[in-house]
Amino acid sequence: MRVRLKIKEIAEAKGFNQSSLSRAANVDFKTVKRAFRDPYRDIAVSTLAKLAQALKVDISELVETLPDEG
């Protein structure tokens, strides 16, 4: 099973870009940039919690599980 981050899609739907989300969540810009570029990247749960709070969504909405390829 693979986990995919949906941070970019949700942020853009709510009018956030990388910079504004970084500021609103008090998360380093480089971390947000990496999450936008690579939705399969590992990310700390504490960071996900900050992003979810800034986006006003439940943390579970920021991730989806996908079956393994192959």
PDB file of N, CA and C in Angstrom:
ATOM      1  N   MET A   1       0.845  -1.173   0.000  1.00  0.00           N
ATOM      2  CA  MET A   1       0.000   0.000   0.000  1.00  0.00           C
ATOM      3  C   MET A   1       0.897   1.246   0.000  1.00  0.00           C
ATOM      4  N   ARG A   2       0.512   2.217  -0.807  1.00  0.00           N
ATOM      5  CA  ARG A   2       1.235   3.491  -0.864  1.00  0.00           C
ATOM      6  C   ARG A   2       0.331   4.596  -0.337  1.00  0.00           C
ATOM      7  N   VAL A   3       0.956   5.621   0.205  1.00  0.00           N
ATOM      8  CA  VAL A   3       0.217   6.774   0.717  1.00  0.00           C
ATOM      9  C   VAL A   3       0.541   7.974  -0.150  1.00  0.00           C
ATOM     10  N   ARG A   4      -0.502   8.673  -0.597  1.00  0.00           N
ATOM     11  CA  ARG A   4      -0.327   9.866  -1.426  1.00  0.00           C
ATOM     12  C   ARG A   4      -0.889  11.063  -0.682  1.00  0.00           C
ATOM     13  N   LEU A   5      -0.113  12.139  -0.665  1.00  0.00           N
ATOM     14  CA  LEU A   5      -0.548  13.383  -0.028  1.00  0.00           C
ATOM     15  C   LEU A   5      -1.442  14.171  -0.979  1.00  0.00           C
ATOM     16  N   LYS A   6      -2.512  14.732  -0.462  1.00  0.00           N
ATOM     17  CA  LYS A   6      -3.425  15.551  -1.268  1.00  0.00           C
ATOM     18  C   LYS A   6      -3.334  17.020  -0.873  1.00  0.00           C
ATOM     19  N   ILE A   7      -2.200  17.402  -0.308  1.00  0.00           N
ATOM     20  CA  ILE A   7      -2.015  18.767   0.184  1.00  0.00           C
ATOM     21  C   ILE A   7      -2.174  19.790  -0.931  1.00  0.00           C
ATOM     22  N   LYS A   8      -1.526  19.556  -2.052  1.00  0.00           N
ATOM     23  CA  LYS A   8      -1.551  20.517  -3.163  1.00  0.00           C
ATOM     24  C   LYS A   8      -2.976  20.751  -3.659  1.00  0.00           C
ATOM     25  N   GLU A   9      -3.707  19.673  -3.908  1.00  0.00           N
ATOM     26  CA  GLU A   9      -5.065  19.799  -4.438  1.00  0.00           C
ATOM     27  C   GLU A   9      -5.970  20.571  -3.478  1.00  0.00           C
ATOM     28  N   ILE A  10      -5.906  20.221  -2.205  1.00  0.00           N
ATOM     29  CA  ILE A  10      -6.768  20.873  -1.225  1.00  0.00           C
ATOM     30  C   ILE A  10      -6.366  22.334  -1.034  1.00  0.00           C
ATOM     31  N   ALA A  11      -5.069  22.576  -0.959  1.00  0.00           N
ATOM     32  CA  ALA A  11      -4.594  23.950  -0.781  1.00  0.00           C
ATOM     33  C   ALA A  11      -5.039  24.838  -1.941  1.00  0.00           C
ATOM     34  N   GLU A  12      -4.846  24.363  -3.155  1.00  0.00           N
ATOM     35  CA  GLU A  12      -5.223  25.169  -4.321  1.00  0.00           C
ATOM     36  C   GLU A  12      -6.730  25.386  -4.381  1.00  0.00           C
ATOM     37  N   ALA A  13      -7.511  24.376  -4.015  1.00  0.00           N
ATOM     38  CA  ALA A  13      -8.966  24.520  -4.013  1.00  0.00           C
ATOM     39  C   ALA A  13      -9.422  25.562  -2.995  1.00  0.00           C
ATOM     40  N   LYS A  14      -8.626  25.751  -1.945  1.00  0.00           N
ATOM     41  CA  LYS A  14      -8.973  26.716  -0.903  1.00  0.00           C
ATOM     42  C   LYS A  14      -8.258  28.047  -1.091  1.00  0.00           C
ATOM     43  N   GLY A  15      -7.579  28.213  -2.219  1.00  0.00           N
ATOM     44  CA  GLY A  15      -6.969  29.499  -2.541  1.00  0.00           C
ATOM     45  C   GLY A  15      -5.579  29.729  -1.973  1.00  0.00           C
ATOM     46  N   PHE A  16      -4.929  28.675  -1.514  1.00  0.00           N
ATOM     47  CA  PHE A  16      -3.573  28.801  -0.986  1.00  0.00           C
ATOM     48  C   PHE A  16      -2.550  28.482  -2.060  1.00  0.00           C
ATOM     49  N   ASN A  17      -1.451  29.217  -2.068  1.00  0.00           N
ATOM     50  CA  ASN A  17      -0.284  28.795  -2.837  1.00  0.00           C
ATOM     51  C   ASN A  17       0.739  28.303  -1.819  1.00  0.00           C
ATOM     52  N   GLN A  18       1.922  27.926  -2.279  1.00  0.00           N
ATOM     53  CA  GLN A  18       2.924  27.377  -1.369  1.00  0.00           C
ATOM     54  C   GLN A  18       3.313  28.371  -0.270  1.00  0.00           C
ATOM     55  N   SER A  19       3.519  29.612  -0.650  1.00  0.00           N
ATOM     56  CA  SER A  19       3.942  30.630   0.320  1.00  0.00           C
ATOM     57  C   SER A  19       2.869  30.907   1.363  1.00  0.00           C
ATOM     58  N   SER A  20       1.640  31.096   0.914  1.00  0.00           N
ATOM     59  CA  SER A  20       0.577  31.437   1.865  1.00  0.00           C
ATOM     60  C   SER A  20       0.277  30.265   2.799  1.00  0.00           C
ATOM     61  N   LEU A  21       0.368  29.039   2.295  1.00  0.00           N
ATOM     62  CA  LEU A  21       0.143  27.872   3.150  1.00  0.00           C
ATOM     63  C   LEU A  21       1.274  27.736   4.167  1.00  0.00           C
ATOM     64  N   SER A  22       2.482  27.959   3.726  1.00  0.00           N
ATOM     65  CA  SER A  22       3.640  27.894   4.621  1.00  0.00           C
ATOM     66  C   SER A  22       3.469  28.872   5.784  1.00  0.00           C
ATOM     67  N   ARG A  23       3.070  30.087   5.478  1.00  0.00           N
ATOM     68  CA  ARG A  23       2.874  31.108   6.523  1.00  0.00           C
ATOM     69  C   ARG A  23       1.700  30.751   7.434  1.00  0.00           C
ATOM     70  N   ALA A  24       0.585  30.348   6.848  1.00  0.00           N
ATOM     71  CA  ALA A  24      -0.616  30.051   7.636  1.00  0.00           C
ATOM     72  C   ALA A  24      -0.408  28.863   8.576  1.00  0.00           C
ATOM     73  N   ALA A  25       0.377  27.885   8.127  1.00  0.00           N
ATOM     74  CA  ALA A  25       0.592  26.678   8.921  1.00  0.00           C
ATOM     75  C   ALA A  25       1.831  26.755   9.801  1.00  0.00           C
ATOM     76  N   ASN A  26       2.623  27.810   9.613  1.00  0.00           N
ATOM     77  CA  ASN A  26       3.890  27.944  10.332  1.00  0.00           C
ATOM     78  C   ASN A  26       4.780  26.721  10.071  1.00  0.00           C
ATOM     79  N   VAL A  27       4.868  26.367   8.773  1.00  0.00           N
ATOM     80  CA  VAL A  27       5.688  25.244   8.309  1.00  0.00           C
ATOM     81  C   VAL A  27       6.706  25.814   7.331  1.00  0.00           C
ATOM     82  N   ASP A  28       7.932  25.315   7.395  1.00  0.00           N
ATOM     83  CA  ASP A  28       8.986  25.792   6.518  1.00  0.00           C
ATOM     84  C   ASP A  28       8.556  25.715   5.044  1.00  0.00           C
ATOM     85  N   PHE A  29       8.861  26.773   4.296  1.00  0.00           N
ATOM     86  CA  PHE A  29       8.474  26.834   2.882  1.00  0.00           C
ATOM     87  C   PHE A  29       8.997  25.629   2.106  1.00  0.00           C
ATOM     88  N   LYS A  30      10.232  25.216   2.373  1.00  0.00           N
ATOM     89  CA  LYS A  30      10.814  24.080   1.636  1.00  0.00           C
ATOM     90  C   LYS A  30      10.020  22.798   1.869  1.00  0.00           C
ATOM     91  N   THR A  31       9.487  22.631   3.055  1.00  0.00           N
ATOM     92  CA  THR A  31       8.677  21.453   3.369  1.00  0.00           C
ATOM     93  C   THR A  31       7.393  21.467   2.554  1.00  0.00           C
ATOM     94  N   VAL A  32       6.751  22.614   2.484  1.00  0.00           N
ATOM     95  CA  VAL A  32       5.512  22.744   1.701  1.00  0.00           C
ATOM     96  C   VAL A  32       5.820  22.535   0.216  1.00  0.00           C
ATOM     97  N   LYS A  33       6.900  23.120  -0.251  1.00  0.00           N
ATOM     98  CA  LYS A  33       7.292  22.978  -1.657  1.00  0.00           C
ATOM     99  C   LYS A  33       7.496  21.505  -2.016  1.00  0.00           C
ATOM    100  N   ARG A  34       8.191  20.761  -1.138  1.00  0.00           N
ATOM    101  CA  ARG A  34       8.429  19.333  -1.388  1.00  0.00           C
ATOM    102  C   ARG A  34       7.113  18.556  -1.406  1.00  0.00           C
ATOM    103  N   ALA A  35       6.205  18.890  -0.500  1.00  0.00           N
ATOM    104  CA  ALA A  35       4.911  18.194  -0.442  1.00  0.00           C
ATOM    105  C   ALA A  35       4.089  18.459  -1.697  1.00  0.00           C
ATOM    106  N   PHE A  36       4.171  19.671  -2.244  1.00  0.00           N
ATOM    107  CA  PHE A  36       3.469  19.999  -3.484  1.00  0.00           C
ATOM    108  C   PHE A  36       4.077  19.231  -4.662  1.00  0.00           C
ATOM    109  N   ARG A  37       5.387  19.174  -4.725  1.00  0.00           N
ATOM    110  CA  ARG A  37       6.075  18.548  -5.860  1.00  0.00           C
ATOM    111  C   ARG A  37       6.044  17.031  -5.844  1.00  0.00           C
ATOM    112  N   ASP A  38       6.121  16.432  -4.663  1.00  0.00           N
ATOM    113  CA  ASP A  38       6.201  14.980  -4.542  1.00  0.00           C
ATOM    114  C   ASP A  38       5.150  14.477  -3.559  1.00  0.00           C
ATOM    115  N   PRO A  39       3.977  14.128  -4.057  1.00  0.00           N
ATOM    116  CA  PRO A  39       2.900  13.715  -3.158  1.00  0.00           C
ATOM    117  C   PRO A  39       3.131  12.356  -2.498  1.00  0.00           C
ATOM    118  N   TYR A  40       4.203  11.662  -2.855  1.00  0.00           N
ATOM    119  CA  TYR A  40       4.503  10.365  -2.242  1.00  0.00           C
ATOM    120  C   TYR A  40       5.607  10.469  -1.196  1.00  0.00           C
ATOM    121  N   ARG A  41       6.049  11.664  -0.905  1.00  0.00           N
ATOM    122  CA  ARG A  41       7.128  11.904   0.055  1.00  0.00           C
ATOM    123  C   ARG A  41       6.620  11.689   1.492  1.00  0.00           C
ATOM    124  N   ASP A  42       7.500  11.139   2.337  1.00  0.00           N
ATOM    125  CA  ASP A  42       7.165  10.998   3.755  1.00  0.00           C
ATOM    126  C   ASP A  42       7.122  12.381   4.397  1.00  0.00           C
ATOM    127  N   ILE A  43       6.190  12.554   5.314  1.00  0.00           N
ATOM    128  CA  ILE A  43       6.051  13.828   6.004  1.00  0.00           C
ATOM    129  C   ILE A  43       5.654  13.540   7.452  1.00  0.00           C
ATOM    130  N   ALA A  44       6.151  14.326   8.368  1.00  0.00           N
ATOM    131  CA  ALA A  44       5.858  14.115   9.785  1.00  0.00           C
ATOM    132  C   ALA A  44       4.383  14.352  10.083  1.00  0.00           C
ATOM    133  N   VAL A  45       3.846  13.567  10.983  1.00  0.00           N
ATOM    134  CA  VAL A  45       2.445  13.712  11.371  1.00  0.00           C
ATOM    135  C   VAL A  45       2.209  15.096  11.976  1.00  0.00           C
ATOM    136  N   SER A  46       3.169  15.602  12.725  1.00  0.00           N
ATOM    137  CA  SER A  46       3.013  16.936  13.320  1.00  0.00           C
ATOM    138  C   SER A  46       2.905  18.008  12.236  1.00  0.00           C
ATOM    139  N   THR A  47       3.624  17.831  11.143  1.00  0.00           N
ATOM    140  CA  THR A  47       3.539  18.770  10.016  1.00  0.00           C
ATOM    141  C   THR A  47       2.181  18.650   9.336  1.00  0.00           C
ATOM    142  N   LEU A  48       1.723  17.418   9.142  1.00  0.00           N
ATOM    143  CA  LEU A  48       0.391  17.214   8.556  1.00  0.00           C
ATOM    144  C   LEU A  48      -0.675  17.875   9.414  1.00  0.00           C
ATOM    145  N   ALA A  49      -0.535  17.780  10.714  1.00  0.00           N
ATOM    146  CA  ALA A  49      -1.515  18.388  11.624  1.00  0.00           C
ATOM    147  C   ALA A  49      -1.540  19.902  11.460  1.00  0.00           C
ATOM    148  N   LYS A  50      -0.380  20.519  11.347  1.00  0.00           N
ATOM    149  CA  LYS A  50      -0.317  21.973  11.145  1.00  0.00           C
ATOM    150  C   LYS A  50      -0.957  22.371   9.823  1.00  0.00           C
ATOM    151  N   LEU A  51      -0.671  21.601   8.778  1.00  0.00           N
ATOM    152  CA  LEU A  51      -1.236  21.902   7.462  1.00  0.00           C
ATOM    153  C   LEU A  51      -2.753  21.722   7.477  1.00  0.00           C
ATOM    154  N   ALA A  52      -3.222  20.658   8.109  1.00  0.00           N
ATOM    155  CA  ALA A  52      -4.662  20.409   8.190  1.00  0.00           C
ATOM    156  C   ALA A  52      -5.361  21.547   8.941  1.00  0.00           C
ATOM    157  N   GLN A  53      -4.763  22.007  10.009  1.00  0.00           N
ATOM    158  CA  GLN A  53      -5.363  23.105  10.781  1.00  0.00           C
ATOM    159  C   GLN A  53      -5.433  24.375   9.936  1.00  0.00           C
ATOM    160  N   ALA A  54      -4.357  24.677   9.210  1.00  0.00           N
ATOM    161  CA  ALA A  54      -4.342  25.878   8.367  1.00  0.00           C
ATOM    162  C   ALA A  54      -5.382  25.780   7.247  1.00  0.00           C
ATOM    163  N   LEU A  55      -5.571  24.572   6.726  1.00  0.00           N
ATOM    164  CA  LEU A  55      -6.524  24.358   5.637  1.00  0.00           C
ATOM    165  C   LEU A  55      -7.952  24.129   6.135  1.00  0.00           C
ATOM    166  N   LYS A  56      -8.096  24.020   7.457  1.00  0.00           N
ATOM    167  CA  LYS A  56      -9.408  23.785   8.077  1.00  0.00           C
ATOM    168  C   LYS A  56     -10.058  22.493   7.581  1.00  0.00           C
ATOM    169  N   VAL A  57      -9.247  21.430   7.565  1.00  0.00           N
ATOM    170  CA  VAL A  57      -9.734  20.094   7.204  1.00  0.00           C
ATOM    171  C   VAL A  57      -9.225  19.107   8.236  1.00  0.00           C
ATOM    172  N   ASP A  58      -9.840  17.939   8.277  1.00  0.00           N
ATOM    173  CA  ASP A  58      -9.347  16.868   9.130  1.00  0.00           C
ATOM    174  C   ASP A  58      -8.062  16.316   8.511  1.00  0.00           C
ATOM    175  N   ILE A  59      -7.143  15.923   9.354  1.00  0.00           N
ATOM    176  CA  ILE A  59      -5.862  15.419   8.866  1.00  0.00           C
ATOM    177  C   ILE A  59      -6.044  14.247   7.889  1.00  0.00           C
ATOM    178  N   SER A  60      -7.089  13.455   8.084  1.00  0.00           N
ATOM    179  CA  SER A  60      -7.327  12.296   7.213  1.00  0.00           C
ATOM    180  C   SER A  60      -7.636  12.709   5.771  1.00  0.00           C
ATOM    181  N   GLU A  61      -8.084  13.948   5.567  1.00  0.00           N
ATOM    182  CA  GLU A  61      -8.383  14.420   4.212  1.00  0.00           C
ATOM    183  C   GLU A  61      -7.120  14.730   3.405  1.00  0.00           C
ATOM    184  N   LEU A  62      -5.991  14.825   4.092  1.00  0.00           N
ATOM    185  CA  LEU A  62      -4.743  15.177   3.405  1.00  0.00           C
ATOM    186  C   LEU A  62      -3.995  13.970   2.844  1.00  0.00           C
ATOM    187  N   VAL A  63      -4.476  12.772   3.130  1.00  0.00           N
ATOM    188  CA  VAL A  63      -3.795  11.567   2.644  1.00  0.00           C
ATOM    189  C   VAL A  63      -4.798  10.616   2.020  1.00  0.00           C
ATOM    190  N   GLU A  64      -4.310   9.839   1.074  1.00  0.00           N
ATOM    191  CA  GLU A  64      -5.120   8.748   0.533  1.00  0.00           C
ATOM    192  C   GLU A  64      -4.214   7.543   0.354  1.00  0.00           C
ATOM    193  N   THR A  65      -4.777   6.363   0.522  1.00  0.00           N
ATOM    194  CA  THR A  65      -3.995   5.141   0.351  1.00  0.00           C
ATOM    195  C   THR A  65      -4.297   4.546  -1.024  1.00  0.00           C
ATOM    196  N   LEU A  66      -3.249   4.067  -1.644  1.00  0.00           N
ATOM    197  CA  LEU A  66      -3.347   3.478  -2.977  1.00  0.00           C
ATOM    198  C   LEU A  66      -2.762   2.081  -2.934  1.00  0.00           C
ATOM    199  N   PRO A  67      -3.270   1.175  -3.766  1.00  0.00           N
ATOM    200  CA  PRO A  67      -2.679  -0.167  -3.802  1.00  0.00           C
ATOM    201  C   PRO A  67      -1.265  -0.098  -4.392  1.00  0.00           C
ATOM    202  N   ASP A  68      -0.438  -1.035  -4.002  1.00  0.00           N
ATOM    203  CA  ASP A  68       0.908  -1.125  -4.574  1.00  0.00           C
ATOM    204  C   ASP A  68       0.818  -1.409  -6.060  1.00  0.00           C
ATOM    205  N   GLU A  69       1.787  -0.870  -6.795  1.00  0.00           N
ATOM    206  CA  GLU A  69       1.859  -1.160  -8.227  1.00  0.00           C
ATOM    207  C   GLU A  69       2.446  -2.556  -8.420  1.00  0.00           C
ATOM    208  N   GLY A  70       2.015  -3.194  -9.496  1.00  0.00           N
ATOM    209  CA  GLY A  70       2.636  -4.463  -9.833  1.00  0.00           C
ATOM    210  C   GLY A  70       1.750  -5.568  -9.581  1.00  0.00           C
TER     211      GLY A  70
END
